[in-house]
Amino acid sequence: MTEKEQKRTGPQMEASWLAVLGEEFKQPYMADLRAFLQEEKKNHTIYPPGSLMFHAFERTPYDRVRVVILGQDPYHGPGQAHGLCFSVPDGVPPPPSLVNVFQEIHSDLGLAIPSHGNLTHWAEQGVLLLNAVLSVRARQANSHAGRGWETFTDRVIEAINEGREGVVFVLWGKYAREKAGRVDRKKHLVLTAAHPSPLSASNGFFGCRHFSKINQYFTGRGGAPIDWSLPPR
């Protein structure tokens, strides 16, 4: 992320996010992360494009967050990552983990399996689709872990925990579950399960019924449920 890109990206995060996270961009770790990404771009392809690294914050303003689904890092195949965890752009086949998410929604709520994997419809209803690491080197999973993104996204979780109430945190897999300690369960609902990856989905993801549990939580508090279907695009 060049300095020019960082300045342009800031406002794209949407004003309510900048109000709680703007100071993070002035911190030393963010300067180190920026320098690392500049070097990466000289020799490697990285995903998603710089303009989409903060896409989750553009689509889901801070004051509208109702659900946080936490992923680990972006898809590392060409054209897959667009800044929303588990989601892929229009025209890109849903990866196996997302296929399993759709299967669980079908089993849980009886909704049809979507024809695409673009989860923007969820994001626009207040589902923050947040990866713990917001960039990745092409074809190298977790290649940008430990470079500073986790400090930033931990602060995102803390800001939601501290400043909001009644948010559902959805933590799939060991990595995501390790973030549970940052959430006050007296103020929020935390749901945990195995990761939807084909390697682990049968060990506790299938049958978790998280999607109906989320909606029951909201309706029980007098709120509206999330529409987990995905309209054709």
C-alpha atoms as a PDB file:
ATOM      1  CA  MET A   1       0.000   0.000   0.000  1.00  0.00           C
ATOM      2  CA  THR A   2       1.683   3.207  -1.144  1.00  0.00           C
ATOM      3  CA  GLU A   3       1.256   6.392   0.848  1.00  0.00           C
ATOM      4  CA  LYS A   4      -0.958   7.707  -1.920  1.00  0.00           C
ATOM      5  CA  GLU A   5      -3.109   4.583  -1.768  1.00  0.00           C
ATOM      6  CA  GLN A   6      -3.300   4.808   2.025  1.00  0.00           C
ATOM      7  CA  LYS A   7      -4.529   8.383   1.866  1.00  0.00           C
ATOM      8  CA  ARG A   8      -7.084   7.463  -0.752  1.00  0.00           C
ATOM      9  CA  THR A   9      -8.180   4.345   1.138  1.00  0.00           C
ATOM     10  CA  GLY A  10      -8.782   6.136   4.431  1.00  0.00           C
ATOM     11  CA  PRO A  11     -11.941   7.986   3.355  1.00  0.00           C
ATOM     12  CA  GLN A  12     -13.182   4.825   1.599  1.00  0.00           C
ATOM     13  CA  MET A  13     -13.362   3.171   5.013  1.00  0.00           C
ATOM     14  CA  GLU A  14     -16.418   5.333   5.672  1.00  0.00           C
ATOM     15  CA  ALA A  15     -16.615   8.110   8.232  1.00  0.00           C
ATOM     16  CA  SER A  16     -17.827   6.083  11.208  1.00  0.00           C
ATOM     17  CA  TRP A  17     -14.816   3.752  10.912  1.00  0.00           C
ATOM     18  CA  LEU A  18     -12.376   6.614  10.538  1.00  0.00           C
ATOM     19  CA  ALA A  19     -13.765   8.129  13.726  1.00  0.00           C
ATOM     20  CA  VAL A  20     -12.695   5.072  15.747  1.00  0.00           C
ATOM     21  CA  LEU A  21      -9.706   3.815  13.740  1.00  0.00           C
ATOM     22  CA  GLY A  22      -8.184   6.880  12.127  1.00  0.00           C
ATOM     23  CA  GLU A  23      -5.369   7.113  14.668  1.00  0.00           C
ATOM     24  CA  GLU A  24      -4.237   3.592  13.798  1.00  0.00           C
ATOM     25  CA  PHE A  25      -2.905   4.815  10.460  1.00  0.00           C
ATOM     26  CA  LYS A  26      -0.482   7.089  12.319  1.00  0.00           C
ATOM     27  CA  GLN A  27       1.012   4.285  14.413  1.00  0.00           C
ATOM     28  CA  PRO A  28       4.550   2.915  13.825  1.00  0.00           C
ATOM     29  CA  TYR A  29       3.304  -0.596  13.053  1.00  0.00           C
ATOM     30  CA  MET A  30       1.204   0.768  10.202  1.00  0.00           C
ATOM     31  CA  ALA A  31       4.235   2.563   8.741  1.00  0.00           C
ATOM     32  CA  ASP A  32       6.155  -0.716   8.909  1.00  0.00           C
ATOM     33  CA  LEU A  33       3.272  -2.554   7.240  1.00  0.00           C
ATOM     34  CA  ARG A  34       3.092   0.056   4.504  1.00  0.00           C
ATOM     35  CA  ALA A  35       6.814  -0.315   3.823  1.00  0.00           C
ATOM     36  CA  PHE A  36       6.509  -4.099   3.712  1.00  0.00           C
ATOM     37  CA  LEU A  37       3.667  -3.936   1.176  1.00  0.00           C
ATOM     38  CA  GLN A  38       5.620  -1.511  -0.986  1.00  0.00           C
ATOM     39  CA  GLU A  39       8.514  -3.984  -1.129  1.00  0.00           C
ATOM     40  CA  GLU A  40       6.179  -6.909  -1.809  1.00  0.00           C
ATOM     41  CA  LYS A  41       4.664  -5.144  -4.794  1.00  0.00           C
ATOM     42  CA  LYS A  42       8.088  -4.722  -6.378  1.00  0.00           C
ATOM     43  CA  ASN A  43       8.625  -8.472  -6.703  1.00  0.00           C
ATOM     44  CA  HIS A  44       5.266 -10.205  -6.250  1.00  0.00           C
ATOM     45  CA  THR A  45       1.595 -10.011  -7.047  1.00  0.00           C
ATOM     46  CA  ILE A  46      -0.489  -9.392  -3.945  1.00  0.00           C
ATOM     47  CA  TYR A  47      -4.222  -9.730  -3.378  1.00  0.00           C
ATOM     48  CA  PRO A  48      -6.615  -8.027  -3.167  1.00  0.00           C
ATOM     49  CA  PRO A  49      -5.812  -4.841  -5.102  1.00  0.00           C
ATOM     50  CA  GLY A  50      -4.882  -1.947  -2.828  1.00  0.00           C
ATOM     51  CA  SER A  51      -8.203  -0.239  -3.503  1.00  0.00           C
ATOM     52  CA  LEU A  52     -10.046  -3.264  -2.058  1.00  0.00           C
ATOM     53  CA  MET A  53      -7.963  -4.035   1.032  1.00  0.00           C
ATOM     54  CA  PHE A  54     -10.402  -2.086   3.210  1.00  0.00           C
ATOM     55  CA  HIS A  55     -13.492  -3.061   1.222  1.00  0.00           C
ATOM     56  CA  ALA A  56     -15.193  -4.671   4.241  1.00  0.00           C
ATOM     57  CA  PHE A  57     -15.184  -1.308   6.001  1.00  0.00           C
ATOM     58  CA  GLU A  58     -16.640   0.453   2.983  1.00  0.00           C
ATOM     59  CA  ARG A  59     -19.555  -1.970   2.764  1.00  0.00           C
ATOM     60  CA  THR A  60     -20.317  -2.239   6.487  1.00  0.00           C
ATOM     61  CA  PRO A  61     -20.079   1.029   8.453  1.00  0.00           C
ATOM     62  CA  TYR A  62     -19.037   0.802  12.100  1.00  0.00           C
ATOM     63  CA  ASP A  63     -22.378   2.026  13.404  1.00  0.00           C
ATOM     64  CA  ARG A  64     -24.225  -0.619  11.362  1.00  0.00           C
ATOM     65  CA  VAL A  65     -22.191  -3.694  12.318  1.00  0.00           C
ATOM     66  CA  ARG A  66     -24.495  -6.452  13.557  1.00  0.00           C
ATOM     67  CA  VAL A  67     -22.412  -9.570  12.858  1.00  0.00           C
ATOM     68  CA  VAL A  68     -18.663 -10.081  12.577  1.00  0.00           C
ATOM     69  CA  ILE A  69     -17.517 -13.135  10.604  1.00  0.00           C
ATOM     70  CA  LEU A  70     -13.768 -13.517  11.027  1.00  0.00           C
ATOM     71  CA  GLY A  71     -11.568 -15.122   8.402  1.00  0.00           C
ATOM     72  CA  GLN A  72      -7.802 -15.591   8.448  1.00  0.00           C
ATOM     73  CA  ASP A  73      -6.419 -14.050   5.242  1.00  0.00           C
ATOM     74  CA  PRO A  74      -7.618 -13.385   1.686  1.00  0.00           C
ATOM     75  CA  TYR A  75      -7.934 -15.988  -1.040  1.00  0.00           C
ATOM     76  CA  HIS A  76      -4.602 -16.212  -2.837  1.00  0.00           C
ATOM     77  CA  GLY A  77      -5.768 -17.282  -6.300  1.00  0.00           C
ATOM     78  CA  PRO A  78      -6.131 -14.876  -9.237  1.00  0.00           C
ATOM     79  CA  GLY A  79      -9.320 -12.819  -9.139  1.00  0.00           C
ATOM     80  CA  GLN A  80     -10.700 -14.368  -5.958  1.00  0.00           C
ATOM     81  CA  ALA A  81     -10.068 -11.802  -3.219  1.00  0.00           C
ATOM     82  CA  HIS A  82     -12.066  -8.578  -3.076  1.00  0.00           C
ATOM     83  CA  GLY A  83     -11.764  -7.577   0.554  1.00  0.00           C
ATOM     84  CA  LEU A  84     -14.672  -9.510   2.078  1.00  0.00           C
ATOM     85  CA  CYS A  85     -13.759 -12.719   3.894  1.00  0.00           C
ATOM     86  CA  PHE A  86     -15.085 -15.936   2.333  1.00  0.00           C
ATOM     87  CA  SER A  87     -16.557 -13.888  -0.553  1.00  0.00           C
ATOM     88  CA  VAL A  88     -15.530 -13.863  -4.205  1.00  0.00           C
ATOM     89  CA  PRO A  89     -16.405 -11.362  -6.969  1.00  0.00           C
ATOM     90  CA  ASP A  90     -19.083 -11.999  -9.538  1.00  0.00           C
ATOM     91  CA  GLY A  91     -18.090 -14.598 -12.095  1.00  0.00           C
ATOM     92  CA  VAL A  92     -15.649 -16.418  -9.784  1.00  0.00           C
ATOM     93  CA  PRO A  93     -16.724 -19.918  -8.665  1.00  0.00           C
ATOM     94  CA  PRO A  94     -17.271 -20.206  -4.884  1.00  0.00           C
ATOM     95  CA  PRO A  95     -14.240 -21.857  -3.226  1.00  0.00           C
ATOM     96  CA  PRO A  96     -14.779 -25.076  -1.225  1.00  0.00           C
ATOM     97  CA  SER A  97     -15.107 -23.374   2.186  1.00  0.00           C
ATOM     98  CA  LEU A  98     -17.799 -21.060   0.858  1.00  0.00           C
ATOM     99  CA  VAL A  99     -19.599 -23.978  -0.774  1.00  0.00           C
ATOM    100  CA  ASN A 100     -19.747 -25.583   2.677  1.00  0.00           C
ATOM    101  CA  VAL A 101     -21.078 -22.350   4.199  1.00  0.00           C
ATOM    102  CA  PHE A 102     -23.856 -22.367   1.630  1.00  0.00           C
ATOM    103  CA  GLN A 103     -24.579 -26.028   2.393  1.00  0.00           C
ATOM    104  CA  GLU A 104     -24.946 -25.234   6.095  1.00  0.00           C
ATOM    105  CA  ILE A 105     -27.288 -22.331   5.351  1.00  0.00           C
ATOM    106  CA  HIS A 106     -29.367 -24.636   3.164  1.00  0.00           C
ATOM    107  CA  SER A 107     -29.509 -27.262   5.905  1.00  0.00           C
ATOM    108  CA  ASP A 108     -30.158 -24.724   8.660  1.00  0.00           C
ATOM    109  CA  LEU A 109     -32.634 -22.372   6.998  1.00  0.00           C
ATOM    110  CA  GLY A 110     -33.809 -24.234   3.903  1.00  0.00           C
ATOM    111  CA  LEU A 111     -32.529 -21.528   1.570  1.00  0.00           C
ATOM    112  CA  ALA A 112     -31.500 -22.388  -1.966  1.00  0.00           C
ATOM    113  CA  ILE A 113     -27.800 -22.756  -2.734  1.00  0.00           C
ATOM    114  CA  PRO A 114     -26.768 -19.427  -4.332  1.00  0.00           C
ATOM    115  CA  SER A 115     -25.662 -19.216  -7.936  1.00  0.00           C
ATOM    116  CA  HIS A 116     -22.649 -17.042  -7.044  1.00  0.00           C
ATOM    117  CA  GLY A 117     -20.264 -16.365  -4.161  1.00  0.00           C
ATOM    118  CA  ASN A 118     -20.447 -12.580  -3.845  1.00  0.00           C
ATOM    119  CA  LEU A 119     -21.449 -11.880  -0.218  1.00  0.00           C
ATOM    120  CA  THR A 120     -21.949  -8.132  -0.635  1.00  0.00           C
ATOM    121  CA  HIS A 121     -25.655  -8.573   0.186  1.00  0.00           C
ATOM    122  CA  TRP A 122     -24.663  -9.773   3.661  1.00  0.00           C
ATOM    123  CA  ALA A 123     -22.148  -6.963   4.153  1.00  0.00           C
ATOM    124  CA  GLU A 124     -24.755  -4.358   3.311  1.00  0.00           C
ATOM    125  CA  GLN A 125     -27.012  -5.739   6.058  1.00  0.00           C
ATOM    126  CA  GLY A 126     -24.365  -5.230   8.730  1.00  0.00           C
ATOM    127  CA  VAL A 127     -22.314  -8.426   8.410  1.00  0.00           C
ATOM    128  CA  LEU A 128     -18.670  -7.361   8.683  1.00  0.00           C
ATOM    129  CA  LEU A 129     -16.720  -9.892   6.625  1.00  0.00           C
ATOM    130  CA  LEU A 130     -13.328  -9.332   8.236  1.00  0.00           C
ATOM    131  CA  ASN A 131     -10.097 -11.151   7.572  1.00  0.00           C
ATOM    132  CA  ALA A 132      -7.498 -10.927  10.361  1.00  0.00           C
ATOM    133  CA  VAL A 133      -4.876 -10.265   7.662  1.00  0.00           C
ATOM    134  CA  LEU A 134      -5.985  -8.028   4.797  1.00  0.00           C
ATOM    135  CA  SER A 135      -3.477  -8.964   2.099  1.00  0.00           C
ATOM    136  CA  VAL A 136      -1.622 -11.998   0.770  1.00  0.00           C
ATOM    137  CA  ARG A 137       1.062 -12.879  -1.758  1.00  0.00           C
ATOM    138  CA  ALA A 138      -0.305 -14.679  -4.811  1.00  0.00           C
ATOM    139  CA  ARG A 139      -0.525 -18.447  -4.306  1.00  0.00           C
ATOM    140  CA  GLN A 140       1.047 -18.292  -0.825  1.00  0.00           C
ATOM    141  CA  ALA A 141      -1.501 -18.553   1.988  1.00  0.00           C
ATOM    142  CA  ASN A 142      -0.629 -16.681   5.200  1.00  0.00           C
ATOM    143  CA  SER A 143       2.349 -15.028   3.510  1.00  0.00           C
ATOM    144  CA  HIS A 144       1.478 -11.624   5.026  1.00  0.00           C
ATOM    145  CA  ALA A 145       0.779 -12.922   8.531  1.00  0.00           C
ATOM    146  CA  GLY A 146       2.755 -11.325  11.335  1.00  0.00           C
ATOM    147  CA  ARG A 147       3.428  -8.109   9.435  1.00  0.00           C
ATOM    148  CA  GLY A 148       1.066  -5.820  11.332  1.00  0.00           C
ATOM    149  CA  TRP A 149      -2.391  -6.505   9.953  1.00  0.00           C
ATOM    150  CA  GLU A 150      -3.318  -8.510  13.059  1.00  0.00           C
ATOM    151  CA  THR A 151      -2.609  -5.494  15.262  1.00  0.00           C
ATOM    152  CA  PHE A 152      -4.986  -3.435  13.162  1.00  0.00           C
ATOM    153  CA  THR A 153      -7.787  -6.003  12.988  1.00  0.00           C
ATOM    154  CA  ASP A 154      -7.497  -6.780  16.705  1.00  0.00           C
ATOM    155  CA  ARG A 155      -8.130  -3.091  17.228  1.00  0.00           C
ATOM    156  CA  VAL A 156     -11.183  -3.391  14.965  1.00  0.00           C
ATOM    157  CA  ILE A 157     -12.553  -6.168  17.175  1.00  0.00           C
ATOM    158  CA  GLU A 158     -11.800  -4.164  20.310  1.00  0.00           C
ATOM    159  CA  ALA A 159     -13.516  -1.077  18.894  1.00  0.00           C
ATOM    160  CA  ILE A 160     -16.667  -3.058  18.139  1.00  0.00           C
ATOM    161  CA  ASN A 161     -16.558  -4.785  21.512  1.00  0.00           C
ATOM    162  CA  GLU A 162     -16.119  -1.523  23.399  1.00  0.00           C
ATOM    163  CA  GLY A 163     -18.358   0.800  21.441  1.00  0.00           C
ATOM    164  CA  ARG A 164     -21.254  -1.376  20.359  1.00  0.00           C
ATOM    165  CA  GLU A 165     -23.713  -3.765  22.010  1.00  0.00           C
ATOM    166  CA  GLY A 166     -25.566  -6.832  20.776  1.00  0.00           C
ATOM    167  CA  VAL A 167     -23.136  -7.799  18.015  1.00  0.00           C
ATOM    168  CA  VAL A 168     -22.704 -11.460  17.064  1.00  0.00           C
ATOM    169  CA  PHE A 169     -19.096 -12.607  16.643  1.00  0.00           C
ATOM    170  CA  VAL A 170     -18.826 -15.718  14.449  1.00  0.00           C
ATOM    171  CA  LEU A 171     -15.520 -17.508  14.979  1.00  0.00           C
ATOM    172  CA  TRP A 172     -14.899 -20.561  12.792  1.00  0.00           C
ATOM    173  CA  GLY A 173     -11.735 -22.573  13.327  1.00  0.00           C
ATOM    174  CA  LYS A 174      -8.938 -22.475  15.889  1.00  0.00           C
ATOM    175  CA  TYR A 175      -7.385 -19.244  14.619  1.00  0.00           C
ATOM    176  CA  ALA A 176     -10.650 -17.313  14.827  1.00  0.00           C
ATOM    177  CA  ARG A 177     -11.627 -18.825  18.177  1.00  0.00           C
ATOM    178  CA  GLU A 178      -8.434 -17.425  19.695  1.00  0.00           C
ATOM    179  CA  LYS A 179      -9.998 -13.969  19.291  1.00  0.00           C
ATOM    180  CA  ALA A 180     -12.916 -14.842  21.575  1.00  0.00           C
ATOM    181  CA  GLY A 181     -11.119 -13.476  24.627  1.00  0.00           C
ATOM    182  CA  ARG A 182     -11.330  -9.984  23.137  1.00  0.00           C
ATOM    183  CA  VAL A 183     -15.128 -10.039  23.249  1.00  0.00           C
ATOM    184  CA  ASP A 184     -17.304  -9.276  26.289  1.00  0.00           C
ATOM    185  CA  ARG A 185     -19.901 -12.032  26.255  1.00  0.00           C
ATOM    186  CA  LYS A 186     -22.127  -9.996  28.558  1.00  0.00           C
ATOM    187  CA  LYS A 187     -22.551  -7.431  25.780  1.00  0.00           C
ATOM    188  CA  HIS A 188     -22.313  -9.628  22.700  1.00  0.00           C
ATOM    189  CA  LEU A 189     -23.008 -13.139  21.431  1.00  0.00           C
ATOM    190  CA  VAL A 190     -20.023 -15.313  20.490  1.00  0.00           C
ATOM    191  CA  LEU A 191     -20.576 -18.356  18.260  1.00  0.00           C
ATOM    192  CA  THR A 192     -17.739 -20.817  17.627  1.00  0.00           C
ATOM    193  CA  ALA A 193     -17.413 -23.903  15.439  1.00  0.00           C
ATOM    194  CA  ALA A 194     -14.948 -25.764  13.269  1.00  0.00           C
ATOM    195  CA  HIS A 195     -13.764 -24.045  10.107  1.00  0.00           C
ATOM    196  CA  PRO A 196     -15.912 -24.669   6.988  1.00  0.00           C
ATOM    197  CA  SER A 197     -12.867 -25.924   5.087  1.00  0.00           C
ATOM    198  CA  PRO A 198     -13.369 -29.410   3.597  1.00  0.00           C
ATOM    199  CA  LEU A 199     -10.600 -30.548   5.956  1.00  0.00           C
ATOM    200  CA  SER A 200     -12.604 -29.699   9.072  1.00  0.00           C
ATOM    201  CA  ALA A 201     -16.236 -28.946   8.204  1.00  0.00           C
ATOM    202  CA  SER A 202     -17.402 -32.412   9.274  1.00  0.00           C
ATOM    203  CA  ASN A 203     -15.825 -31.923  12.703  1.00  0.00           C
ATOM    204  CA  GLY A 204     -18.339 -29.399  13.970  1.00  0.00           C
ATOM    205  CA  PHE A 205     -19.131 -26.859  11.283  1.00  0.00           C
ATOM    206  CA  PHE A 206     -21.888 -28.817   9.609  1.00  0.00           C
ATOM    207  CA  GLY A 207     -24.846 -28.747  11.971  1.00  0.00           C
ATOM    208  CA  CYS A 208     -23.675 -25.697  13.945  1.00  0.00           C
ATOM    209  CA  ARG A 209     -26.846 -23.835  12.877  1.00  0.00           C
ATOM    210  CA  HIS A 210     -25.145 -20.503  13.368  1.00  0.00           C
ATOM    211  CA  PHE A 211     -27.329 -18.722  10.854  1.00  0.00           C
ATOM    212  CA  SER A 212     -30.603 -19.517  12.589  1.00  0.00           C
ATOM    213  CA  LYS A 213     -28.993 -18.804  15.967  1.00  0.00           C
ATOM    214  CA  ILE A 214     -27.948 -15.363  14.783  1.00  0.00           C
ATOM    215  CA  ASN A 215     -31.445 -14.557  13.610  1.00  0.00           C
ATOM    216  CA  GLN A 216     -33.001 -15.888  16.810  1.00  0.00           C
ATOM    217  CA  TYR A 217     -30.664 -13.649  18.792  1.00  0.00           C
ATOM    218  CA  PHE A 218     -31.713 -10.561  16.858  1.00  0.00           C
ATOM    219  CA  THR A 219     -35.439 -11.273  16.826  1.00  0.00           C
ATOM    220  CA  GLY A 220     -35.256 -12.072  20.538  1.00  0.00           C
ATOM    221  CA  ARG A 221     -33.912  -8.565  21.062  1.00  0.00           C
ATOM    222  CA  GLY A 222     -36.650  -7.025  18.938  1.00  0.00           C
ATOM    223  CA  GLY A 223     -34.490  -6.629  15.853  1.00  0.00           C
ATOM    224  CA  ALA A 224     -34.724  -7.790  12.260  1.00  0.00           C
ATOM    225  CA  PRO A 225     -33.125 -11.036  11.097  1.00  0.00           C
ATOM    226  CA  ILE A 226     -30.367 -11.191   8.506  1.00  0.00           C
ATOM    227  CA  ASP A 227     -31.414 -12.290   5.029  1.00  0.00           C
ATOM    228  CA  TRP A 228     -28.824 -15.013   4.374  1.00  0.00           C
ATOM    229  CA  SER A 229     -30.000 -15.614   0.825  1.00  0.00           C
ATOM    230  CA  LEU A 230     -28.034 -14.140  -2.062  1.00  0.00           C
ATOM    231  CA  PRO A 231     -30.146 -12.586  -4.812  1.00  0.00           C
ATOM    232  CA  PRO A 232     -28.986 -13.332  -8.369  1.00  0.00           C
ATOM    233  CA  ARG A 233     -26.460 -10.845  -9.717  1.00  0.00           C
END
